């Protein structure tokens, strides 16, 4: 991953927008695959989201690819949707 984004290791902050990061490095996010499922929240998610053990959350998994169809990002996120919604956007 670092070889695709050579300035990432020395950057004081890491961008949260993969597309922006790829463009700054001369790359392109060509496509992404995603999966969504309901799962019991793992330990780290229960702590981060202030949930009780066993609470069911939405698990979002994404794998993004460059123009050469090589993976450039993997992401797993957990959402507590009891009082919220989840918005996903890919341009």
PDB file of N, CA and C in Angstrom:
ATOM      1  N   UNK A   1       0.835  -1.192   0.000  1.00  0.00           N
ATOM      2  CA  UNK A   1       0.000   0.000   0.000  1.00  0.00           C
ATOM      3  C   UNK A   1       0.873   1.246   0.000  1.00  0.00           C
ATOM      4  N   UNK A   2       1.908   1.268   0.815  1.00  0.00           N
ATOM      5  CA  UNK A   2       2.767   2.443   0.890  1.00  0.00           C
ATOM      6  C   UNK A   2       3.427   2.704  -0.459  1.00  0.00           C
ATOM      7  N   UNK A   3       3.814   1.663  -1.212  1.00  0.00           N
ATOM      8  CA  UNK A   3       4.471   1.883  -2.500  1.00  0.00           C
ATOM      9  C   UNK A   3       3.527   2.563  -3.488  1.00  0.00           C
ATOM     10  N   UNK A   4       2.226   2.362  -3.382  1.00  0.00           N
ATOM     11  CA  UNK A   4       1.263   3.033  -4.253  1.00  0.00           C
ATOM     12  C   UNK A   4       1.026   4.475  -3.827  1.00  0.00           C
ATOM     13  N   UNK A   5       1.241   4.747  -2.558  1.00  0.00           N
ATOM     14  CA  UNK A   5       1.054   6.084  -2.009  1.00  0.00           C
ATOM     15  C   UNK A   5       2.343   6.479  -1.295  1.00  0.00           C
ATOM     16  N   UNK A   6       3.391   6.847  -2.053  1.00  0.00           N
ATOM     17  CA  UNK A   6       4.727   7.040  -1.484  1.00  0.00           C
ATOM     18  C   UNK A   6       4.812   8.127  -0.413  1.00  0.00           C
ATOM     19  N   UNK A   7       3.958   9.121  -0.434  1.00  0.00           N
ATOM     20  CA  UNK A   7       4.020  10.200   0.554  1.00  0.00           C
ATOM     21  C   UNK A   7       3.220   9.899   1.818  1.00  0.00           C
ATOM     22  N   UNK A   8       2.518   8.787   1.846  1.00  0.00           N
ATOM     23  CA  UNK A   8       1.633   8.474   2.961  1.00  0.00           C
ATOM     24  C   UNK A   8       2.386   8.294   4.278  1.00  0.00           C
ATOM     25  N   UNK A   9       3.509   7.614   4.259  1.00  0.00           N
ATOM     26  CA  UNK A   9       4.258   7.331   5.489  1.00  0.00           C
ATOM     27  C   UNK A   9       4.777   8.603   6.144  1.00  0.00           C
ATOM     28  N   UNK A  10       5.105   9.615   5.366  1.00  0.00           N
ATOM     29  CA  UNK A  10       5.650  10.849   5.930  1.00  0.00           C
ATOM     30  C   UNK A  10       4.590  11.928   6.136  1.00  0.00           C
ATOM     31  N   UNK A  11       3.362  11.640   5.789  1.00  0.00           N
ATOM     32  CA  UNK A  11       2.281  12.617   5.929  1.00  0.00           C
ATOM     33  C   UNK A  11       1.887  12.766   7.400  1.00  0.00           C
ATOM     34  N   UNK A  12       1.694  14.018   7.874  1.00  0.00           N
ATOM     35  CA  UNK A  12       1.295  14.206   9.272  1.00  0.00           C
ATOM     36  C   UNK A  12      -0.131  13.732   9.544  1.00  0.00           C
ATOM     37  N   UNK A  13      -0.963  13.697   8.523  1.00  0.00           N
ATOM     38  CA  UNK A  13      -2.333  13.193   8.664  1.00  0.00           C
ATOM     39  C   UNK A  13      -2.622  12.257   7.495  1.00  0.00           C
ATOM     40  N   UNK A  14      -3.520  11.331   7.714  1.00  0.00           N
ATOM     41  CA  UNK A  14      -3.908  10.397   6.665  1.00  0.00           C
ATOM     42  C   UNK A  14      -5.308  10.790   6.195  1.00  0.00           C
ATOM     43  N   UNK A  15      -5.463  11.090   4.905  1.00  0.00           N
ATOM     44  CA  UNK A  15      -6.786  11.473   4.404  1.00  0.00           C
ATOM     45  C   UNK A  15      -7.793  10.358   4.600  1.00  0.00           C
ATOM     46  N   UNK A  16      -9.044  10.717   4.861  1.00  0.00           N
ATOM     47  CA  UNK A  16     -10.079   9.697   5.000  1.00  0.00           C
ATOM     48  C   UNK A  16     -10.824   9.472   3.691  1.00  0.00           C
ATOM     49  N   UNK A  17     -10.390  10.124   2.629  1.00  0.00           N
ATOM     50  CA  UNK A  17     -11.010   9.988   1.317  1.00  0.00           C
ATOM     51  C   UNK A  17     -10.032   9.281   0.380  1.00  0.00           C
ATOM     52  N   UNK A  18     -10.304   8.015   0.084  1.00  0.00           N
ATOM     53  CA  UNK A  18      -9.406   7.231  -0.756  1.00  0.00           C
ATOM     54  C   UNK A  18      -9.247   7.840  -2.140  1.00  0.00           C
ATOM     55  N   UNK A  19     -10.335   8.329  -2.708  1.00  0.00           N
ATOM     56  CA  UNK A  19     -10.274   8.889  -4.051  1.00  0.00           C
ATOM     57  C   UNK A  19      -9.328  10.089  -4.095  1.00  0.00           C
ATOM     58  N   UNK A  20      -9.399  10.937  -3.087  1.00  0.00           N
ATOM     59  CA  UNK A  20      -8.509  12.098  -3.009  1.00  0.00           C
ATOM     60  C   UNK A  20      -7.053  11.660  -2.871  1.00  0.00           C
ATOM     61  N   UNK A  21      -6.808  10.700  -2.022  1.00  0.00           N
ATOM     62  CA  UNK A  21      -5.461  10.173  -1.823  1.00  0.00           C
ATOM     63  C   UNK A  21      -4.912   9.582  -3.120  1.00  0.00           C
ATOM     64  N   UNK A  22      -5.722   8.816  -3.821  1.00  0.00           N
ATOM     65  CA  UNK A  22      -5.287   8.199  -5.074  1.00  0.00           C
ATOM     66  C   UNK A  22      -4.971   9.256  -6.128  1.00  0.00           C
ATOM     67  N   UNK A  23      -5.816  10.266  -6.234  1.00  0.00           N
ATOM     68  CA  UNK A  23      -5.588  11.324  -7.230  1.00  0.00           C
ATOM     69  C   UNK A  23      -4.294  12.079  -6.949  1.00  0.00           C
ATOM     70  N   UNK A  24      -4.017  12.375  -5.689  1.00  0.00           N
ATOM     71  CA  UNK A  24      -2.784  13.087  -5.335  1.00  0.00           C
ATOM     72  C   UNK A  24      -1.547  12.266  -5.686  1.00  0.00           C
ATOM     73  N   UNK A  25      -1.676  10.945  -5.717  1.00  0.00           N
ATOM     74  CA  UNK A  25      -0.557  10.060  -6.053  1.00  0.00           C
ATOM     75  C   UNK A  25      -0.571   9.658  -7.516  1.00  0.00           C
ATOM     76  N   UNK A  26      -1.463  10.256  -8.303  1.00  0.00           N
ATOM     77  CA  UNK A  26      -1.536   9.953  -9.722  1.00  0.00           C
ATOM     78  C   UNK A  26      -2.294   8.684 -10.044  1.00  0.00           C
ATOM     79  N   UNK A  27      -3.064   8.187  -9.105  1.00  0.00           N
ATOM     80  CA  UNK A  27      -3.815   6.955  -9.316  1.00  0.00           C
ATOM     81  C   UNK A  27      -5.297   7.211  -9.504  1.00  0.00           C
ATOM     82  N   UNK A  28      -6.038   6.142  -9.597  1.00  0.00           N
ATOM     83  CA  UNK A  28      -7.472   6.227  -9.834  1.00  0.00           C
ATOM     84  C   UNK A  28      -8.148   5.045  -9.150  1.00  0.00           C
ATOM     85  N   UNK A  29      -9.240   5.327  -8.465  1.00  0.00           N
ATOM     86  CA  UNK A  29     -10.066   4.250  -7.932  1.00  0.00           C
ATOM     87  C   UNK A  29     -11.047   3.896  -9.041  1.00  0.00           C
ATOM     88  N   UNK A  30     -10.862   2.731  -9.635  1.00  0.00           N
ATOM     89  CA  UNK A  30     -11.663   2.344 -10.794  1.00  0.00           C
ATOM     90  C   UNK A  30     -12.981   1.684 -10.410  1.00  0.00           C
ATOM     91  N   UNK A  31     -12.960   0.916  -9.327  1.00  0.00           N
ATOM     92  CA  UNK A  31     -14.181   0.224  -8.910  1.00  0.00           C
ATOM     93  C   UNK A  31     -14.049  -0.207  -7.463  1.00  0.00           C
ATOM     94  N   UNK A  32     -15.171  -0.564  -6.887  1.00  0.00           N
ATOM     95  CA  UNK A  32     -15.173  -1.064  -5.517  1.00  0.00           C
ATOM     96  C   UNK A  32     -16.267  -2.111  -5.373  1.00  0.00           C
ATOM     97  N   UNK A  33     -16.020  -3.063  -4.502  1.00  0.00           N
ATOM     98  CA  UNK A  33     -17.005  -4.085  -4.167  1.00  0.00           C
ATOM     99  C   UNK A  33     -17.357  -3.912  -2.698  1.00  0.00           C
ATOM    100  N   UNK A  34     -18.620  -4.062  -2.376  1.00  0.00           N
ATOM    101  CA  UNK A  34     -19.021  -3.908  -0.996  1.00  0.00           C
ATOM    102  C   UNK A  34     -19.987  -4.980  -0.555  1.00  0.00           C
ATOM    103  N   UNK A  35     -19.955  -5.258   0.741  1.00  0.00           N
ATOM    104  CA  UNK A  35     -20.887  -6.202   1.352  1.00  0.00           C
ATOM    105  C   UNK A  35     -21.455  -5.537   2.595  1.00  0.00           C
ATOM    106  N   UNK A  36     -22.724  -5.799   2.863  1.00  0.00           N
ATOM    107  CA  UNK A  36     -23.391  -5.282   4.050  1.00  0.00           C
ATOM    108  C   UNK A  36     -24.108  -6.448   4.709  1.00  0.00           C
ATOM    109  N   UNK A  37     -23.932  -6.574   6.027  1.00  0.00           N
ATOM    110  CA  UNK A  37     -24.627  -7.640   6.750  1.00  0.00           C
ATOM    111  C   UNK A  37     -24.804  -7.231   8.207  1.00  0.00           C
ATOM    112  N   UNK A  38     -25.759  -7.853   8.854  1.00  0.00           N
ATOM    113  CA  UNK A  38     -25.981  -7.631  10.275  1.00  0.00           C
ATOM    114  C   UNK A  38     -25.175  -8.664  11.058  1.00  0.00           C
ATOM    115  N   UNK A  39     -24.420  -8.177  12.061  1.00  0.00           N
ATOM    116  CA  UNK A  39     -23.567  -9.062  12.868  1.00  0.00           C
ATOM    117  C   UNK A  39     -23.585  -8.595  14.326  1.00  0.00           C
ATOM    118  N   UNK A  40     -23.280  -9.496  15.260  1.00  0.00           N
ATOM    119  CA  UNK A  40     -23.060  -9.036  16.631  1.00  0.00           C
ATOM    120  C   UNK A  40     -21.813  -8.150  16.643  1.00  0.00           C
ATOM    121  N   UNK A  41     -21.885  -7.031  17.307  1.00  0.00           N
ATOM    122  CA  UNK A  41     -20.758  -6.092  17.323  1.00  0.00           C
ATOM    123  C   UNK A  41     -19.527  -6.728  17.954  1.00  0.00           C
ATOM    124  N   UNK A  42     -18.375  -6.645  17.268  1.00  0.00           N
ATOM    125  CA  UNK A  42     -17.142  -7.134  17.878  1.00  0.00           C
ATOM    126  C   UNK A  42     -16.736  -6.216  19.036  1.00  0.00           C
ATOM    127  N   UNK A  43     -15.842  -6.686  19.847  1.00  0.00           N
ATOM    128  CA  UNK A  43     -15.424  -5.966  21.055  1.00  0.00           C
ATOM    129  C   UNK A  43     -15.023  -4.518  20.787  1.00  0.00           C
ATOM    130  N   UNK A  44     -14.191  -4.293  19.785  1.00  0.00           N
ATOM    131  CA  UNK A  44     -13.734  -2.921  19.493  1.00  0.00           C
ATOM    132  C   UNK A  44     -14.900  -2.014  19.119  1.00  0.00           C
ATOM    133  N   UNK A  45     -15.872  -2.554  18.373  1.00  0.00           N
ATOM    134  CA  UNK A  45     -17.031  -1.751  17.969  1.00  0.00           C
ATOM    135  C   UNK A  45     -17.932  -1.443  19.160  1.00  0.00           C
ATOM    136  N   UNK A  46     -18.093  -2.416  20.092  1.00  0.00           N
ATOM    137  CA  UNK A  46     -18.933  -2.138  21.260  1.00  0.00           C
ATOM    138  C   UNK A  46     -18.333  -1.011  22.089  1.00  0.00           C
ATOM    139  N   UNK A  47     -17.023  -0.983  22.201  1.00  0.00           N
ATOM    140  CA  UNK A  47     -16.361   0.099  22.945  1.00  0.00           C
ATOM    141  C   UNK A  47     -16.487   1.429  22.216  1.00  0.00           C
ATOM    142  N   UNK A  48     -16.180   1.441  20.926  1.00  0.00           N
ATOM    143  CA  UNK A  48     -16.192   2.687  20.148  1.00  0.00           C
ATOM    144  C   UNK A  48     -17.595   3.282  20.025  1.00  0.00           C
ATOM    145  N   UNK A  49     -18.611   2.410  19.953  1.00  0.00           N
ATOM    146  CA  UNK A  49     -19.984   2.883  19.769  1.00  0.00           C
ATOM    147  C   UNK A  49     -20.790   2.894  21.070  1.00  0.00           C
ATOM    148  N   UNK A  50     -20.125   2.578  22.187  1.00  0.00           N
ATOM    149  CA  UNK A  50     -20.786   2.530  23.512  1.00  0.00           C
ATOM    150  C   UNK A  50     -22.002   1.602  23.490  1.00  0.00           C
ATOM    151  N   UNK A  51     -21.790   0.381  23.046  1.00  0.00           N
ATOM    152  CA  UNK A  51     -22.865  -0.598  22.937  1.00  0.00           C
ATOM    153  C   UNK A  51     -22.689  -1.713  23.955  1.00  0.00           C
ATOM    154  N   UNK A  52     -23.750  -2.408  24.222  1.00  0.00           N
ATOM    155  CA  UNK A  52     -23.698  -3.584  25.082  1.00  0.00           C
ATOM    156  C   UNK A  52     -23.196  -4.772  24.286  1.00  0.00           C
ATOM    157  N   UNK A  53     -22.569  -5.715  24.991  1.00  0.00           N
ATOM    158  CA  UNK A  53     -22.092  -6.936  24.357  1.00  0.00           C
ATOM    159  C   UNK A  53     -23.254  -7.628  23.652  1.00  0.00           C
ATOM    160  N   UNK A  54     -23.041  -8.068  22.423  1.00  0.00           N
ATOM    161  CA  UNK A  54     -24.054  -8.803  21.675  1.00  0.00           C
ATOM    162  C   UNK A  54     -25.002  -7.937  20.857  1.00  0.00           C
ATOM    163  N   UNK A  55     -24.887  -6.607  20.954  1.00  0.00           N
ATOM    164  CA  UNK A  55     -25.745  -5.736  20.157  1.00  0.00           C
ATOM    165  C   UNK A  55     -25.491  -5.992  18.676  1.00  0.00           C
ATOM    166  N   UNK A  56     -26.555  -6.097  17.917  1.00  0.00           N
ATOM    167  CA  UNK A  56     -26.422  -6.316  16.477  1.00  0.00           C
ATOM    168  C   UNK A  56     -26.189  -4.981  15.781  1.00  0.00           C
ATOM    169  N   UNK A  57     -25.183  -4.958  14.916  1.00  0.00           N
ATOM    170  CA  UNK A  57     -24.833  -3.756  14.159  1.00  0.00           C
ATOM    171  C   UNK A  57     -24.748  -4.106  12.679  1.00  0.00           C
ATOM    172  N   UNK A  58     -24.699  -3.083  11.864  1.00  0.00           N
ATOM    173  CA  UNK A  58     -24.508  -3.274  10.440  1.00  0.00           C
ATOM    174  C   UNK A  58     -23.014  -3.272  10.161  1.00  0.00           C
ATOM    175  N   UNK A  59     -22.521  -4.318   9.501  1.00  0.00           N
ATOM    176  CA  UNK A  59     -21.111  -4.432   9.138  1.00  0.00           C
ATOM    177  C   UNK A  59     -20.981  -4.075   7.659  1.00  0.00           C
ATOM    178  N   UNK A  60     -20.140  -3.087   7.364  1.00  0.00           N
ATOM    179  CA  UNK A  60     -19.897  -2.640   5.998  1.00  0.00           C
ATOM    180  C   UNK A  60     -18.482  -3.033   5.617  1.00  0.00           C
ATOM    181  N   UNK A  61     -18.337  -3.769   4.542  1.00  0.00           N
ATOM    182  CA  UNK A  61     -17.019  -4.183   4.062  1.00  0.00           C
ATOM    183  C   UNK A  61     -16.853  -3.689   2.632  1.00  0.00           C
ATOM    184  N   UNK A  62     -15.696  -3.087   2.344  1.00  0.00           N
ATOM    185  CA  UNK A  62     -15.451  -2.561   1.001  1.00  0.00           C
ATOM    186  C   UNK A  62     -14.038  -2.932   0.575  1.00  0.00           C
ATOM    187  N   UNK A  63     -13.904  -3.294  -0.697  1.00  0.00           N
ATOM    188  CA  UNK A  63     -12.609  -3.549  -1.309  1.00  0.00           C
ATOM    189  C   UNK A  63     -12.561  -2.712  -2.579  1.00  0.00           C
ATOM    190  N   UNK A  64     -11.601  -1.778  -2.642  1.00  0.00           N
ATOM    191  CA  UNK A  64     -11.474  -0.878  -3.796  1.00  0.00           C
ATOM    192  C   UNK A  64     -10.284  -1.300  -4.650  1.00  0.00           C
ATOM    193  N   UNK A  65     -10.420  -1.091  -5.957  1.00  0.00           N
ATOM    194  CA  UNK A  65      -9.413  -1.510  -6.927  1.00  0.00           C
ATOM    195  C   UNK A  65      -8.979  -0.326  -7.789  1.00  0.00           C
ATOM    196  N   UNK A  66      -7.736  -0.365  -8.250  1.00  0.00           N
ATOM    197  CA  UNK A  66      -7.242   0.666  -9.162  1.00  0.00           C
ATOM    198  C   UNK A  66      -7.563   0.281 -10.606  1.00  0.00           C
ATOM    199  N   UNK A  67      -7.090   1.084 -11.548  1.00  0.00           N
ATOM    200  CA  UNK A  67      -7.370   0.858 -12.967  1.00  0.00           C
ATOM    201  C   UNK A  67      -6.757  -0.442 -13.489  1.00  0.00           C
ATOM    202  N   UNK A  68      -5.743  -0.971 -12.804  1.00  0.00           N
ATOM    203  CA  UNK A  68      -5.130  -2.248 -13.180  1.00  0.00           C
ATOM    204  C   UNK A  68      -5.790  -3.423 -12.472  1.00  0.00           C
ATOM    205  N   UNK A  69      -6.915  -3.157 -11.804  1.00  0.00           N
ATOM    206  CA  UNK A  69      -7.683  -4.150 -11.054  1.00  0.00           C
ATOM    207  C   UNK A  69      -6.903  -4.740  -9.885  1.00  0.00           C
ATOM    208  N   UNK A  70      -5.992  -3.937  -9.322  1.00  0.00           N
ATOM    209  CA  UNK A  70      -5.250  -4.339  -8.131  1.00  0.00           C
ATOM    210  C   UNK A  70      -5.916  -3.715  -6.905  1.00  0.00           C
ATOM    211  N   UNK A  71      -6.057  -4.454  -5.818  1.00  0.00           N
ATOM    212  CA  UNK A  71      -6.688  -3.883  -4.622  1.00  0.00           C
ATOM    213  C   UNK A  71      -5.840  -2.750  -4.035  1.00  0.00           C
ATOM    214  N   UNK A  72      -6.501  -1.658  -3.677  1.00  0.00           N
ATOM    215  CA  UNK A  72      -5.778  -0.527  -3.080  1.00  0.00           C
ATOM    216  C   UNK A  72      -6.349  -0.121  -1.725  1.00  0.00           C
ATOM    217  N   UNK A  73      -7.504  -0.671  -1.356  1.00  0.00           N
ATOM    218  CA  UNK A  73      -8.052  -0.351  -0.038  1.00  0.00           C
ATOM    219  C   UNK A  73      -8.987  -1.459   0.402  1.00  0.00           C
ATOM    220  N   UNK A  74      -8.918  -1.757   1.680  1.00  0.00           N
ATOM    221  CA  UNK A  74      -9.925  -2.604   2.297  1.00  0.00           C
ATOM    222  C   UNK A  74     -10.452  -1.840   3.508  1.00  0.00           C
ATOM    223  N   UNK A  75     -11.755  -1.884   3.713  1.00  0.00           N
ATOM    224  CA  UNK A  75     -12.371  -1.136   4.797  1.00  0.00           C
ATOM    225  C   UNK A  75     -13.448  -2.002   5.437  1.00  0.00           C
ATOM    226  N   UNK A  76     -13.477  -1.991   6.754  1.00  0.00           N
ATOM    227  CA  UNK A  76     -14.564  -2.607   7.494  1.00  0.00           C
ATOM    228  C   UNK A  76     -15.061  -1.580   8.499  1.00  0.00           C
ATOM    229  N   UNK A  77     -16.352  -1.330   8.483  1.00  0.00           N
ATOM    230  CA  UNK A  77     -16.952  -0.378   9.414  1.00  0.00           C
ATOM    231  C   UNK A  77     -18.182  -0.991  10.058  1.00  0.00           C
ATOM    232  N   UNK A  78     -18.511  -0.501  11.234  1.00  0.00           N
ATOM    233  CA  UNK A  78     -19.676  -0.989  11.958  1.00  0.00           C
ATOM    234  C   UNK A  78     -20.571   0.187  12.296  1.00  0.00           C
ATOM    235  N   UNK A  79     -21.874   0.017  12.062  1.00  0.00           N
ATOM    236  CA  UNK A  79     -22.839   1.094  12.298  1.00  0.00           C
ATOM    237  C   UNK A  79     -23.946   0.617  13.220  1.00  0.00           C
ATOM    238  N   UNK A  80     -24.234   1.424  14.215  1.00  0.00           N
ATOM    239  CA  UNK A  80     -25.385   1.201  15.084  1.00  0.00           C
ATOM    240  C   UNK A  80     -26.524   2.020  14.487  1.00  0.00           C
ATOM    241  N   UNK A  81     -27.499   1.352  13.925  1.00  0.00           N
ATOM    242  CA  UNK A  81     -28.562   2.044  13.194  1.00  0.00           C
ATOM    243  C   UNK A  81     -29.853   2.200  13.989  1.00  0.00           C
ATOM    244  N   UNK A  82     -29.801   2.029  15.278  1.00  0.00           N
ATOM    245  CA  UNK A  82     -31.038   2.137  16.062  1.00  0.00           C
ATOM    246  C   UNK A  82     -31.631   3.539  15.981  1.00  0.00           C
ATOM    247  N   UNK A  83     -30.804   4.561  15.941  1.00  0.00           N
ATOM    248  CA  UNK A  83     -31.308   5.932  15.864  1.00  0.00           C
ATOM    249  C   UNK A  83     -30.642   6.721  14.739  1.00  0.00           C
ATOM    250  N   UNK A  84     -29.972   6.041  13.862  1.00  0.00           N
ATOM    251  CA  UNK A  84     -29.209   6.698  12.788  1.00  0.00           C
ATOM    252  C   UNK A  84     -29.478   6.018  11.462  1.00  0.00           C
ATOM    253  N   UNK A  85     -28.819   6.484  10.438  1.00  0.00           N
ATOM    254  CA  UNK A  85     -28.824   5.838   9.139  1.00  0.00           C
ATOM    255  C   UNK A  85     -27.402   5.836   8.613  1.00  0.00           C
ATOM    256  N   UNK A  86     -27.169   5.026   7.637  1.00  0.00           N
ATOM    257  CA  UNK A  86     -25.847   4.909   7.043  1.00  0.00           C
ATOM    258  C   UNK A  86     -25.934   5.384   5.612  1.00  0.00           C
ATOM    259  N   UNK A  87     -25.060   6.317   5.238  1.00  0.00           N
ATOM    260  CA  UNK A  87     -25.024   6.836   3.879  1.00  0.00           C
ATOM    261  C   UNK A  87     -23.706   6.417   3.240  1.00  0.00           C
ATOM    262  N   UNK A  88     -23.785   5.775   2.096  1.00  0.00           N
ATOM    263  CA  UNK A  88     -22.607   5.361   1.348  1.00  0.00           C
ATOM    264  C   UNK A  88     -22.612   6.110   0.021  1.00  0.00           C
ATOM    265  N   UNK A  89     -21.448   6.618  -0.356  1.00  0.00           N
ATOM    266  CA  UNK A  89     -21.347   7.360  -1.610  1.00  0.00           C
ATOM    267  C   UNK A  89     -20.058   7.000  -2.310  1.00  0.00           C
ATOM    268  N   UNK A  90     -20.143   6.686  -3.590  1.00  0.00           N
ATOM    269  CA  UNK A  90     -18.967   6.377  -4.401  1.00  0.00           C
ATOM    270  C   UNK A  90     -19.137   7.100  -5.710  1.00  0.00           C
ATOM    271  N   UNK A  91     -18.211   7.966  -6.033  1.00  0.00           N
ATOM    272  CA  UNK A  91     -18.306   8.738  -7.289  1.00  0.00           C
ATOM    273  C   UNK A  91     -17.332   8.224  -8.284  1.00  0.00           C
TER     274      UNK A  91
END
